[in-house]
């Protein structure tokens, strides 16, 4: 019986040497650019009448940081081995995501926040050229945000694998 334990590179969970400079640049950017303005960002959001809208000055603060991040190549890390991302493996991105998670606005500042990340992956992999032009390009550029929603009457989960609803092609129509 095989134990499943190996000593080859498949079990190496270290960050790749090529990702280390990017990781270091991200941690420095968070420390020097994002951490110093995080309290101000939340202060600007206090007392706003609609919690789903930015307070006066919040969006401008985010956009200024996003512009710096983009100019420094600190953008779209989550797309693994992709021409539209940084070409990181999922393992390398995990280290960077752990750093982003230490500051509540860092992921958005570097265009790595949900649900945009998942929606961009779907559009990149299976989107039509028209969908990519209309939705993927502006998402990759940080010009728009996206949403994800699902509901199922008898499923208590946000895991799309649990969907029970089916769409069946019947001739030239879809039956749901």
N, C-alpha and C. Protein backbone atom coordinates (compact mmCIF):
# COMPACT_ATOMS: atom_id res chain seq x y z
N UNK A 1 0.85 -1.18 0.00
CA UNK A 1 0.00 0.00 0.00
C UNK A 1 0.89 1.24 0.00
N UNK A 2 0.52 2.21 -0.82
CA UNK A 2 1.30 3.44 -0.95
C UNK A 2 0.81 4.45 0.08
N UNK A 3 1.74 5.09 0.77
CA UNK A 3 1.37 6.03 1.83
C UNK A 3 0.89 7.38 1.30
N UNK A 4 1.21 7.70 0.04
CA UNK A 4 0.85 9.00 -0.50
C UNK A 4 1.87 10.08 -0.19
N UNK A 5 2.84 9.78 0.64
CA UNK A 5 3.87 10.75 0.99
C UNK A 5 4.98 10.67 -0.04
N UNK A 6 5.36 11.83 -0.57
CA UNK A 6 6.43 11.87 -1.55
C UNK A 6 7.49 12.86 -1.12
N UNK A 7 8.63 12.76 -1.73
CA UNK A 7 9.71 13.70 -1.43
C UNK A 7 10.07 14.52 -2.67
N UNK A 8 9.26 14.42 -3.71
CA UNK A 8 9.57 15.16 -4.93
C UNK A 8 9.07 16.60 -4.85
N UNK A 9 9.27 17.35 -5.92
CA UNK A 9 8.89 18.76 -5.95
C UNK A 9 7.40 18.99 -5.81
N UNK A 10 6.58 17.98 -6.05
CA UNK A 10 5.13 18.15 -5.92
C UNK A 10 4.74 18.50 -4.49
N UNK A 11 5.55 18.16 -3.54
CA UNK A 11 5.24 18.46 -2.14
C UNK A 11 5.94 19.73 -1.65
N UNK A 12 6.62 20.43 -2.53
CA UNK A 12 7.31 21.64 -2.15
C UNK A 12 6.29 22.78 -2.11
N UNK A 13 6.01 23.26 -0.93
CA UNK A 13 5.02 24.32 -0.76
C UNK A 13 5.66 25.69 -0.54
N UNK A 14 6.92 25.81 -0.92
CA UNK A 14 7.61 27.09 -0.82
C UNK A 14 7.24 27.98 -2.01
N UNK A 15 7.31 29.27 -1.79
CA UNK A 15 7.09 30.21 -2.88
C UNK A 15 8.21 30.03 -3.90
N UNK A 16 7.86 30.15 -5.17
CA UNK A 16 8.89 30.01 -6.20
C UNK A 16 9.84 31.21 -6.14
N UNK A 17 11.10 30.99 -6.47
CA UNK A 17 12.07 32.10 -6.42
C UNK A 17 11.66 33.29 -7.30
N UNK A 18 11.00 33.04 -8.41
CA UNK A 18 10.58 34.13 -9.29
C UNK A 18 9.50 35.01 -8.70
N UNK A 19 8.72 34.48 -7.75
CA UNK A 19 7.63 35.24 -7.15
C UNK A 19 8.08 36.08 -5.96
N UNK A 20 9.25 35.79 -5.42
CA UNK A 20 9.71 36.49 -4.21
C UNK A 20 9.81 38.00 -4.42
N UNK A 21 10.40 38.51 -5.51
CA UNK A 21 10.46 39.97 -5.67
C UNK A 21 9.07 40.63 -5.72
N UNK A 22 8.12 39.97 -6.35
CA UNK A 22 6.76 40.51 -6.41
C UNK A 22 6.13 40.51 -5.02
N UNK A 23 6.31 39.43 -4.28
CA UNK A 23 5.81 39.33 -2.91
C UNK A 23 6.39 40.47 -2.06
N UNK A 24 7.69 40.69 -2.18
CA UNK A 24 8.34 41.75 -1.41
C UNK A 24 7.82 43.13 -1.82
N UNK A 25 7.59 43.32 -3.11
CA UNK A 25 7.05 44.60 -3.58
C UNK A 25 5.63 44.82 -3.06
N UNK A 26 4.83 43.77 -3.02
CA UNK A 26 3.46 43.87 -2.51
C UNK A 26 3.47 44.22 -1.03
N UNK A 27 4.28 43.51 -0.24
CA UNK A 27 4.30 43.79 1.20
C UNK A 27 4.80 45.21 1.47
N UNK A 28 5.78 45.67 0.70
CA UNK A 28 6.27 47.05 0.87
C UNK A 28 5.19 48.06 0.47
N UNK A 29 4.47 47.79 -0.61
CA UNK A 29 3.41 48.70 -1.06
C UNK A 29 2.30 48.79 -0.02
N UNK A 30 1.92 47.66 0.54
CA UNK A 30 0.88 47.67 1.58
C UNK A 30 1.36 48.50 2.76
N UNK A 31 2.58 48.26 3.20
CA UNK A 31 3.12 48.96 4.37
C UNK A 31 3.26 50.47 4.11
N UNK A 32 3.75 50.83 2.94
CA UNK A 32 4.07 52.23 2.67
C UNK A 32 2.94 53.06 2.07
N UNK A 33 2.02 52.41 1.36
CA UNK A 33 0.98 53.16 0.65
C UNK A 33 -0.44 52.92 1.18
N UNK A 34 -0.73 51.67 1.54
CA UNK A 34 -2.11 51.34 1.93
C UNK A 34 -2.33 51.47 3.43
N UNK A 35 -1.45 50.88 4.23
CA UNK A 35 -1.61 50.96 5.69
C UNK A 35 -1.75 52.40 6.19
N UNK A 36 -0.95 53.35 5.71
CA UNK A 36 -1.06 54.72 6.23
C UNK A 36 -2.39 55.42 5.95
N UNK A 37 -3.15 54.97 4.95
CA UNK A 37 -4.41 55.66 4.63
C UNK A 37 -5.66 54.85 5.00
N UNK A 38 -5.48 53.67 5.55
CA UNK A 38 -6.62 52.80 5.84
C UNK A 38 -7.57 53.43 6.86
N UNK A 39 -7.04 53.97 7.94
CA UNK A 39 -7.91 54.61 8.94
C UNK A 39 -8.67 55.79 8.34
N UNK A 40 -8.00 56.56 7.49
CA UNK A 40 -8.65 57.70 6.82
C UNK A 40 -9.78 57.21 5.92
N UNK A 41 -9.54 56.12 5.21
CA UNK A 41 -10.57 55.55 4.34
C UNK A 41 -11.84 55.25 5.15
N UNK A 42 -11.68 54.59 6.29
CA UNK A 42 -12.85 54.24 7.10
C UNK A 42 -13.46 55.47 7.77
N UNK A 43 -12.64 56.44 8.14
CA UNK A 43 -13.18 57.68 8.72
C UNK A 43 -14.06 58.39 7.69
N UNK A 44 -13.63 58.41 6.44
CA UNK A 44 -14.42 59.05 5.38
C UNK A 44 -15.76 58.35 5.16
N UNK A 45 -15.83 57.09 5.52
CA UNK A 45 -17.07 56.34 5.32
C UNK A 45 -18.05 56.43 6.48
N UNK A 46 -17.63 57.01 7.58
CA UNK A 46 -18.51 57.12 8.75
C UNK A 46 -19.69 58.03 8.45
N UNK A 47 -20.87 57.62 8.90
CA UNK A 47 -22.06 58.46 8.80
C UNK A 47 -22.68 58.56 7.42
N UNK A 48 -22.21 57.80 6.48
CA UNK A 48 -22.83 57.88 5.14
C UNK A 48 -24.23 57.28 5.22
N UNK A 49 -25.19 57.85 4.50
CA UNK A 49 -26.57 57.39 4.61
C UNK A 49 -26.81 56.00 4.02
N UNK A 50 -26.02 55.59 3.06
CA UNK A 50 -26.20 54.29 2.43
C UNK A 50 -24.91 53.50 2.57
N UNK A 51 -24.95 52.42 3.33
CA UNK A 51 -23.73 51.64 3.58
C UNK A 51 -23.18 50.99 2.32
N UNK A 52 -23.95 50.94 1.24
CA UNK A 52 -23.52 50.32 -0.01
C UNK A 52 -22.92 51.33 -0.98
N UNK A 53 -22.75 52.56 -0.54
CA UNK A 53 -22.11 53.58 -1.36
C UNK A 53 -20.90 54.13 -0.63
N UNK A 54 -19.94 54.62 -1.40
CA UNK A 54 -18.75 55.22 -0.80
C UNK A 54 -19.12 56.54 -0.15
N UNK A 55 -18.44 56.85 0.96
CA UNK A 55 -18.55 58.16 1.57
C UNK A 55 -17.72 59.15 0.77
N UNK A 56 -17.97 60.43 1.02
CA UNK A 56 -17.25 61.48 0.29
C UNK A 56 -15.73 61.32 0.50
N UNK A 57 -15.02 61.17 -0.59
CA UNK A 57 -13.56 61.05 -0.53
C UNK A 57 -13.03 59.62 -0.53
N UNK A 58 -13.88 58.65 -0.18
CA UNK A 58 -13.41 57.26 -0.13
C UNK A 58 -12.98 56.75 -1.50
N UNK A 59 -13.81 56.95 -2.49
CA UNK A 59 -13.51 56.44 -3.83
C UNK A 59 -12.25 57.12 -4.39
N UNK A 60 -12.12 58.41 -4.17
CA UNK A 60 -10.94 59.13 -4.65
C UNK A 60 -9.67 58.58 -4.00
N UNK A 61 -9.74 58.28 -2.71
CA UNK A 61 -8.59 57.71 -2.01
C UNK A 61 -8.23 56.35 -2.60
N UNK A 62 -9.23 55.50 -2.80
CA UNK A 62 -8.99 54.18 -3.41
C UNK A 62 -8.40 54.31 -4.81
N UNK A 63 -8.97 55.19 -5.61
CA UNK A 63 -8.51 55.34 -6.99
C UNK A 63 -7.07 55.82 -7.05
N UNK A 64 -6.67 56.68 -6.13
CA UNK A 64 -5.29 57.15 -6.09
C UNK A 64 -4.33 56.00 -5.79
N UNK A 65 -4.70 55.16 -4.84
CA UNK A 65 -3.85 54.01 -4.50
C UNK A 65 -3.83 53.01 -5.65
N UNK A 66 -4.99 52.76 -6.25
CA UNK A 66 -5.06 51.83 -7.38
C UNK A 66 -4.18 52.30 -8.53
N UNK A 67 -4.18 53.58 -8.77
CA UNK A 67 -3.35 54.14 -9.84
C UNK A 67 -1.86 53.89 -9.56
N UNK A 68 -1.45 54.09 -8.31
CA UNK A 68 -0.05 53.82 -7.94
C UNK A 68 0.28 52.34 -8.07
N UNK A 69 -0.63 51.49 -7.61
CA UNK A 69 -0.40 50.04 -7.68
C UNK A 69 -0.25 49.60 -9.13
N UNK A 70 -1.15 50.06 -9.96
CA UNK A 70 -1.11 49.69 -11.38
C UNK A 70 0.19 50.18 -12.03
N UNK A 71 0.59 51.41 -11.73
CA UNK A 71 1.82 51.97 -12.29
C UNK A 71 3.05 51.18 -11.85
N UNK A 72 2.97 50.55 -10.68
CA UNK A 72 4.08 49.76 -10.16
C UNK A 72 3.99 48.28 -10.52
N UNK A 73 3.02 47.92 -11.36
CA UNK A 73 2.89 46.52 -11.78
C UNK A 73 2.34 45.61 -10.70
N UNK A 74 1.68 46.18 -9.71
CA UNK A 74 1.12 45.40 -8.60
C UNK A 74 -0.38 45.25 -8.83
N UNK A 75 -0.75 44.40 -9.77
CA UNK A 75 -2.11 44.40 -10.29
C UNK A 75 -2.48 43.03 -10.81
N UNK A 76 -3.69 42.55 -10.52
CA UNK A 76 -4.25 41.31 -11.08
C UNK A 76 -3.37 40.08 -10.84
N UNK A 77 -3.07 39.78 -9.59
CA UNK A 77 -2.21 38.63 -9.27
C UNK A 77 -2.90 37.29 -9.37
N UNK A 78 -4.20 37.29 -9.25
CA UNK A 78 -4.96 36.06 -9.04
C UNK A 78 -5.11 35.20 -10.29
N UNK A 79 -4.84 35.72 -11.47
CA UNK A 79 -4.98 34.93 -12.69
C UNK A 79 -3.71 34.11 -12.90
N UNK A 80 -3.75 32.82 -12.57
CA UNK A 80 -2.53 32.00 -12.62
C UNK A 80 -2.08 31.74 -14.05
N UNK A 81 -0.78 31.83 -14.25
CA UNK A 81 -0.16 31.51 -15.54
C UNK A 81 -0.93 32.13 -16.69
N UNK A 82 -1.23 33.40 -16.57
CA UNK A 82 -2.11 34.07 -17.52
C UNK A 82 -1.45 35.29 -18.12
N UNK A 83 -1.75 35.57 -19.35
CA UNK A 83 -1.24 36.78 -19.98
C UNK A 83 -1.86 38.03 -19.37
N UNK A 84 -3.03 37.91 -18.79
CA UNK A 84 -3.72 39.06 -18.21
C UNK A 84 -3.37 39.29 -16.75
N UNK A 85 -2.72 38.34 -16.12
CA UNK A 85 -2.31 38.47 -14.73
C UNK A 85 -0.80 38.54 -14.62
N UNK A 86 -0.28 38.09 -13.49
CA UNK A 86 1.16 38.14 -13.25
C UNK A 86 1.85 36.81 -13.57
N UNK A 87 1.09 35.80 -13.99
CA UNK A 87 1.68 34.51 -14.30
C UNK A 87 2.09 33.72 -13.08
N UNK A 88 1.47 34.00 -11.95
CA UNK A 88 1.80 33.29 -10.71
C UNK A 88 1.08 31.96 -10.66
N UNK A 89 1.67 31.01 -9.99
CA UNK A 89 0.95 29.78 -9.68
C UNK A 89 -0.05 30.09 -8.58
N UNK A 90 -1.00 29.21 -8.37
CA UNK A 90 -1.94 29.41 -7.27
C UNK A 90 -1.21 29.42 -5.93
N UNK A 91 -0.16 28.61 -5.81
CA UNK A 91 0.62 28.58 -4.57
C UNK A 91 1.29 29.93 -4.33
N UNK A 92 1.94 30.48 -5.36
CA UNK A 92 2.58 31.78 -5.20
C UNK A 92 1.55 32.86 -4.85
N UNK A 93 0.40 32.82 -5.51
CA UNK A 93 -0.63 33.80 -5.21
C UNK A 93 -1.14 33.66 -3.78
N UNK A 94 -1.15 32.45 -3.25
CA UNK A 94 -1.62 32.25 -1.88
C UNK A 94 -0.79 33.05 -0.89
N UNK A 95 0.50 33.12 -1.10
CA UNK A 95 1.36 33.90 -0.21
C UNK A 95 1.02 35.39 -0.30
N UNK A 96 0.80 35.86 -1.52
CA UNK A 96 0.45 37.27 -1.71
C UNK A 96 -0.94 37.56 -1.15
N UNK A 97 -1.88 36.65 -1.38
CA UNK A 97 -3.24 36.83 -0.86
C UNK A 97 -3.23 36.89 0.67
N UNK A 98 -2.36 36.12 1.30
CA UNK A 98 -2.26 36.16 2.76
C UNK A 98 -1.84 37.56 3.23
N UNK A 99 -0.95 38.19 2.49
CA UNK A 99 -0.54 39.55 2.84
C UNK A 99 -1.66 40.55 2.58
N UNK A 100 -2.35 40.39 1.46
CA UNK A 100 -3.47 41.28 1.14
C UNK A 100 -4.55 41.18 2.21
N UNK A 101 -4.75 40.00 2.76
CA UNK A 101 -5.78 39.79 3.76
C UNK A 101 -5.52 40.46 5.09
N UNK A 102 -4.33 40.96 5.30
CA UNK A 102 -4.00 41.62 6.56
C UNK A 102 -4.50 43.06 6.62
N UNK A 103 -4.91 43.61 5.49
CA UNK A 103 -5.44 44.97 5.45
C UNK A 103 -6.79 44.92 4.73
N UNK A 104 -7.84 45.47 5.33
CA UNK A 104 -9.19 45.32 4.75
C UNK A 104 -9.42 45.97 3.39
N UNK A 105 -8.55 46.87 2.95
CA UNK A 105 -8.75 47.47 1.63
C UNK A 105 -7.66 47.09 0.62
N UNK A 106 -6.68 46.32 1.04
CA UNK A 106 -5.54 46.01 0.16
C UNK A 106 -5.96 45.25 -1.09
N UNK A 107 -6.83 44.27 -0.96
CA UNK A 107 -7.22 43.48 -2.13
C UNK A 107 -7.87 44.35 -3.20
N UNK A 108 -8.73 45.25 -2.78
CA UNK A 108 -9.37 46.13 -3.76
C UNK A 108 -8.36 47.09 -4.38
N UNK A 109 -7.41 47.56 -3.60
CA UNK A 109 -6.40 48.49 -4.11
C UNK A 109 -5.50 47.86 -5.17
N UNK A 110 -5.34 46.53 -5.13
CA UNK A 110 -4.49 45.84 -6.10
C UNK A 110 -5.31 45.01 -7.09
N UNK A 111 -6.60 45.30 -7.16
CA UNK A 111 -7.54 44.66 -8.10
C UNK A 111 -7.59 43.15 -7.92
N UNK A 112 -7.62 42.73 -6.67
CA UNK A 112 -7.64 41.30 -6.36
C UNK A 112 -8.77 40.96 -5.40
N UNK A 113 -9.91 41.64 -5.50
CA UNK A 113 -10.97 41.40 -4.53
C UNK A 113 -12.15 40.67 -5.16
N UNK A 114 -12.80 39.89 -4.32
CA UNK A 114 -14.00 39.17 -4.74
C UNK A 114 -15.16 40.16 -4.79
N UNK A 115 -16.11 39.91 -5.60
CA UNK A 115 -16.29 38.80 -6.52
C UNK A 115 -15.60 39.00 -7.86
N UNK A 116 -14.92 40.15 -8.02
CA UNK A 116 -14.32 40.45 -9.32
C UNK A 116 -13.33 39.38 -9.77
N UNK A 117 -12.54 38.86 -8.85
CA UNK A 117 -11.52 37.88 -9.23
C UNK A 117 -12.16 36.65 -9.87
N UNK A 118 -13.15 36.09 -9.24
CA UNK A 118 -13.81 34.91 -9.79
C UNK A 118 -14.52 35.20 -11.09
N UNK A 119 -15.16 36.35 -11.17
CA UNK A 119 -15.86 36.72 -12.40
C UNK A 119 -14.87 36.94 -13.55
N UNK A 120 -13.71 37.51 -13.25
CA UNK A 120 -12.70 37.70 -14.29
C UNK A 120 -12.16 36.35 -14.78
N UNK A 121 -11.97 35.42 -13.85
CA UNK A 121 -11.50 34.09 -14.25
C UNK A 121 -12.49 33.42 -15.19
N UNK A 122 -13.77 33.50 -14.85
CA UNK A 122 -14.80 32.89 -15.70
C UNK A 122 -14.80 33.56 -17.08
N UNK A 123 -14.80 34.88 -17.11
CA UNK A 123 -14.80 35.60 -18.39
C UNK A 123 -13.56 35.29 -19.21
N UNK A 124 -12.41 35.21 -18.56
CA UNK A 124 -11.17 34.93 -19.28
C UNK A 124 -11.19 33.53 -19.91
N UNK A 125 -11.72 32.58 -19.17
CA UNK A 125 -11.67 31.18 -19.63
C UNK A 125 -12.77 30.83 -20.62
N UNK A 126 -13.98 31.34 -20.41
CA UNK A 126 -15.10 30.90 -21.26
C UNK A 126 -15.90 32.04 -21.87
N UNK A 127 -15.49 33.26 -21.65
CA UNK A 127 -16.23 34.39 -22.21
C UNK A 127 -16.05 34.50 -23.71
N UNK A 128 -17.08 35.00 -24.36
CA UNK A 128 -17.00 35.26 -25.80
C UNK A 128 -16.12 36.49 -26.01
N UNK A 129 -15.63 36.70 -27.22
CA UNK A 129 -14.86 37.93 -27.47
C UNK A 129 -15.64 39.20 -27.12
N UNK A 130 -16.94 39.19 -27.38
CA UNK A 130 -17.76 40.36 -27.06
C UNK A 130 -17.86 40.56 -25.54
N UNK A 131 -18.06 39.46 -24.79
CA UNK A 131 -18.13 39.56 -23.33
C UNK A 131 -16.80 40.03 -22.75
N UNK A 132 -15.72 39.54 -23.31
CA UNK A 132 -14.40 39.95 -22.82
C UNK A 132 -14.18 41.44 -23.04
N UNK A 133 -14.57 41.93 -24.19
CA UNK A 133 -14.39 43.36 -24.48
C UNK A 133 -15.27 44.21 -23.57
N UNK A 134 -16.53 43.79 -23.41
CA UNK A 134 -17.49 44.59 -22.64
C UNK A 134 -17.24 44.51 -21.13
N UNK A 135 -16.87 43.34 -20.61
CA UNK A 135 -16.80 43.15 -19.16
C UNK A 135 -15.39 42.84 -18.65
N UNK A 136 -14.67 41.94 -19.31
CA UNK A 136 -13.36 41.53 -18.78
C UNK A 136 -12.35 42.67 -18.83
N UNK A 137 -12.24 43.34 -19.95
CA UNK A 137 -11.25 44.42 -20.06
C UNK A 137 -11.45 45.51 -19.00
N UNK A 138 -12.69 46.02 -18.80
CA UNK A 138 -12.86 47.04 -17.75
C UNK A 138 -12.62 46.49 -16.34
N UNK A 139 -12.93 45.21 -16.11
CA UNK A 139 -12.65 44.61 -14.80
C UNK A 139 -11.14 44.50 -14.59
N UNK A 140 -10.42 44.02 -15.58
CA UNK A 140 -8.97 43.91 -15.47
C UNK A 140 -8.31 45.27 -15.26
N UNK A 141 -8.89 46.30 -15.83
CA UNK A 141 -8.35 47.65 -15.68
C UNK A 141 -8.80 48.33 -14.39
N UNK A 142 -9.69 47.69 -13.62
CA UNK A 142 -10.18 48.28 -12.38
C UNK A 142 -11.15 49.42 -12.60
N UNK A 143 -11.77 49.47 -13.77
CA UNK A 143 -12.69 50.56 -14.09
C UNK A 143 -14.11 50.30 -13.62
N UNK A 144 -14.47 49.04 -13.43
CA UNK A 144 -15.80 48.67 -12.96
C UNK A 144 -15.66 47.60 -11.89
N UNK A 145 -16.74 47.37 -11.17
CA UNK A 145 -16.83 46.26 -10.21
C UNK A 145 -17.88 45.31 -10.74
N UNK A 146 -17.95 44.12 -10.18
CA UNK A 146 -18.92 43.13 -10.63
C UNK A 146 -19.66 42.56 -9.43
N UNK A 147 -20.59 41.68 -9.73
CA UNK A 147 -21.38 41.05 -8.67
C UNK A 147 -21.55 39.58 -9.00
N UNK A 148 -21.86 38.81 -7.98
CA UNK A 148 -22.16 37.40 -8.14
C UNK A 148 -23.33 37.11 -7.22
N UNK A 149 -24.33 36.47 -7.73
CA UNK A 149 -25.48 36.12 -6.89
C UNK A 149 -26.02 34.77 -7.32
N UNK A 150 -26.50 34.02 -6.37
CA UNK A 150 -27.16 32.76 -6.68
C UNK A 150 -28.18 32.49 -5.59
N UNK A 151 -29.21 31.78 -5.96
CA UNK A 151 -30.21 31.40 -4.99
C UNK A 151 -30.81 30.06 -5.41
N UNK A 152 -31.08 29.26 -4.45
CA UNK A 152 -31.69 27.94 -4.67
C UNK A 152 -32.69 27.73 -3.54
N UNK A 153 -33.88 27.27 -3.85
CA UNK A 153 -34.89 27.14 -2.80
C UNK A 153 -34.53 26.13 -1.70
N UNK A 154 -33.86 25.05 -2.03
CA UNK A 154 -33.62 24.01 -1.03
C UNK A 154 -32.14 23.80 -0.73
N UNK A 155 -31.29 24.77 -1.05
CA UNK A 155 -29.86 24.62 -0.82
C UNK A 155 -29.38 25.81 0.01
N UNK A 156 -28.85 25.52 1.18
CA UNK A 156 -28.35 26.58 2.06
C UNK A 156 -26.84 26.70 1.88
N UNK A 157 -26.42 27.33 0.79
CA UNK A 157 -24.99 27.42 0.52
C UNK A 157 -24.74 28.46 -0.55
N UNK A 158 -23.55 29.04 -0.52
CA UNK A 158 -23.14 29.93 -1.61
C UNK A 158 -22.18 29.21 -2.55
N UNK A 159 -22.06 27.92 -2.40
CA UNK A 159 -21.19 27.10 -3.25
C UNK A 159 -21.94 26.71 -4.51
N UNK A 160 -21.49 27.23 -5.65
CA UNK A 160 -22.20 27.00 -6.91
C UNK A 160 -22.25 25.52 -7.30
N UNK A 161 -21.38 24.70 -6.72
CA UNK A 161 -21.44 23.26 -7.02
C UNK A 161 -22.69 22.61 -6.44
N UNK A 162 -23.36 23.30 -5.53
CA UNK A 162 -24.55 22.74 -4.90
C UNK A 162 -25.84 23.09 -5.63
N UNK A 163 -25.75 23.80 -6.73
CA UNK A 163 -26.96 24.15 -7.47
C UNK A 163 -27.71 22.90 -7.92
N UNK A 164 -29.01 22.93 -7.75
CA UNK A 164 -29.84 21.82 -8.20
C UNK A 164 -30.61 22.18 -9.46
N UNK A 165 -30.78 23.46 -9.72
CA UNK A 165 -31.48 23.92 -10.90
C UNK A 165 -30.68 23.52 -12.15
N UNK A 166 -31.39 23.13 -13.18
CA UNK A 166 -30.73 22.72 -14.42
C UNK A 166 -31.35 23.45 -15.61
N UNK A 167 -30.55 23.70 -16.61
CA UNK A 167 -31.02 24.26 -17.88
C UNK A 167 -30.77 23.21 -18.94
N UNK A 168 -31.81 22.86 -19.68
CA UNK A 168 -31.72 21.81 -20.70
C UNK A 168 -32.09 22.42 -22.05
N UNK A 169 -31.23 22.20 -23.04
CA UNK A 169 -31.49 22.71 -24.38
C UNK A 169 -32.53 21.82 -25.04
N UNK A 170 -33.65 22.43 -25.42
CA UNK A 170 -34.75 21.72 -26.08
C UNK A 170 -34.97 22.39 -27.43
N UNK A 171 -34.37 21.82 -28.47
CA UNK A 171 -34.42 22.46 -29.78
C UNK A 171 -33.57 23.71 -29.76
N UNK A 172 -34.21 24.85 -29.97
CA UNK A 172 -33.47 26.11 -29.93
C UNK A 172 -33.84 26.95 -28.71
N UNK A 173 -34.44 26.32 -27.69
CA UNK A 173 -34.81 27.01 -26.45
C UNK A 173 -34.20 26.29 -25.25
N UNK A 174 -33.98 27.06 -24.21
CA UNK A 174 -33.50 26.49 -22.96
C UNK A 174 -34.68 26.36 -22.00
N UNK A 175 -34.81 25.20 -21.40
CA UNK A 175 -35.83 24.96 -20.38
C UNK A 175 -35.15 24.95 -19.02
N UNK A 176 -35.68 25.73 -18.11
CA UNK A 176 -35.10 25.80 -16.76
C UNK A 176 -36.00 25.07 -15.80
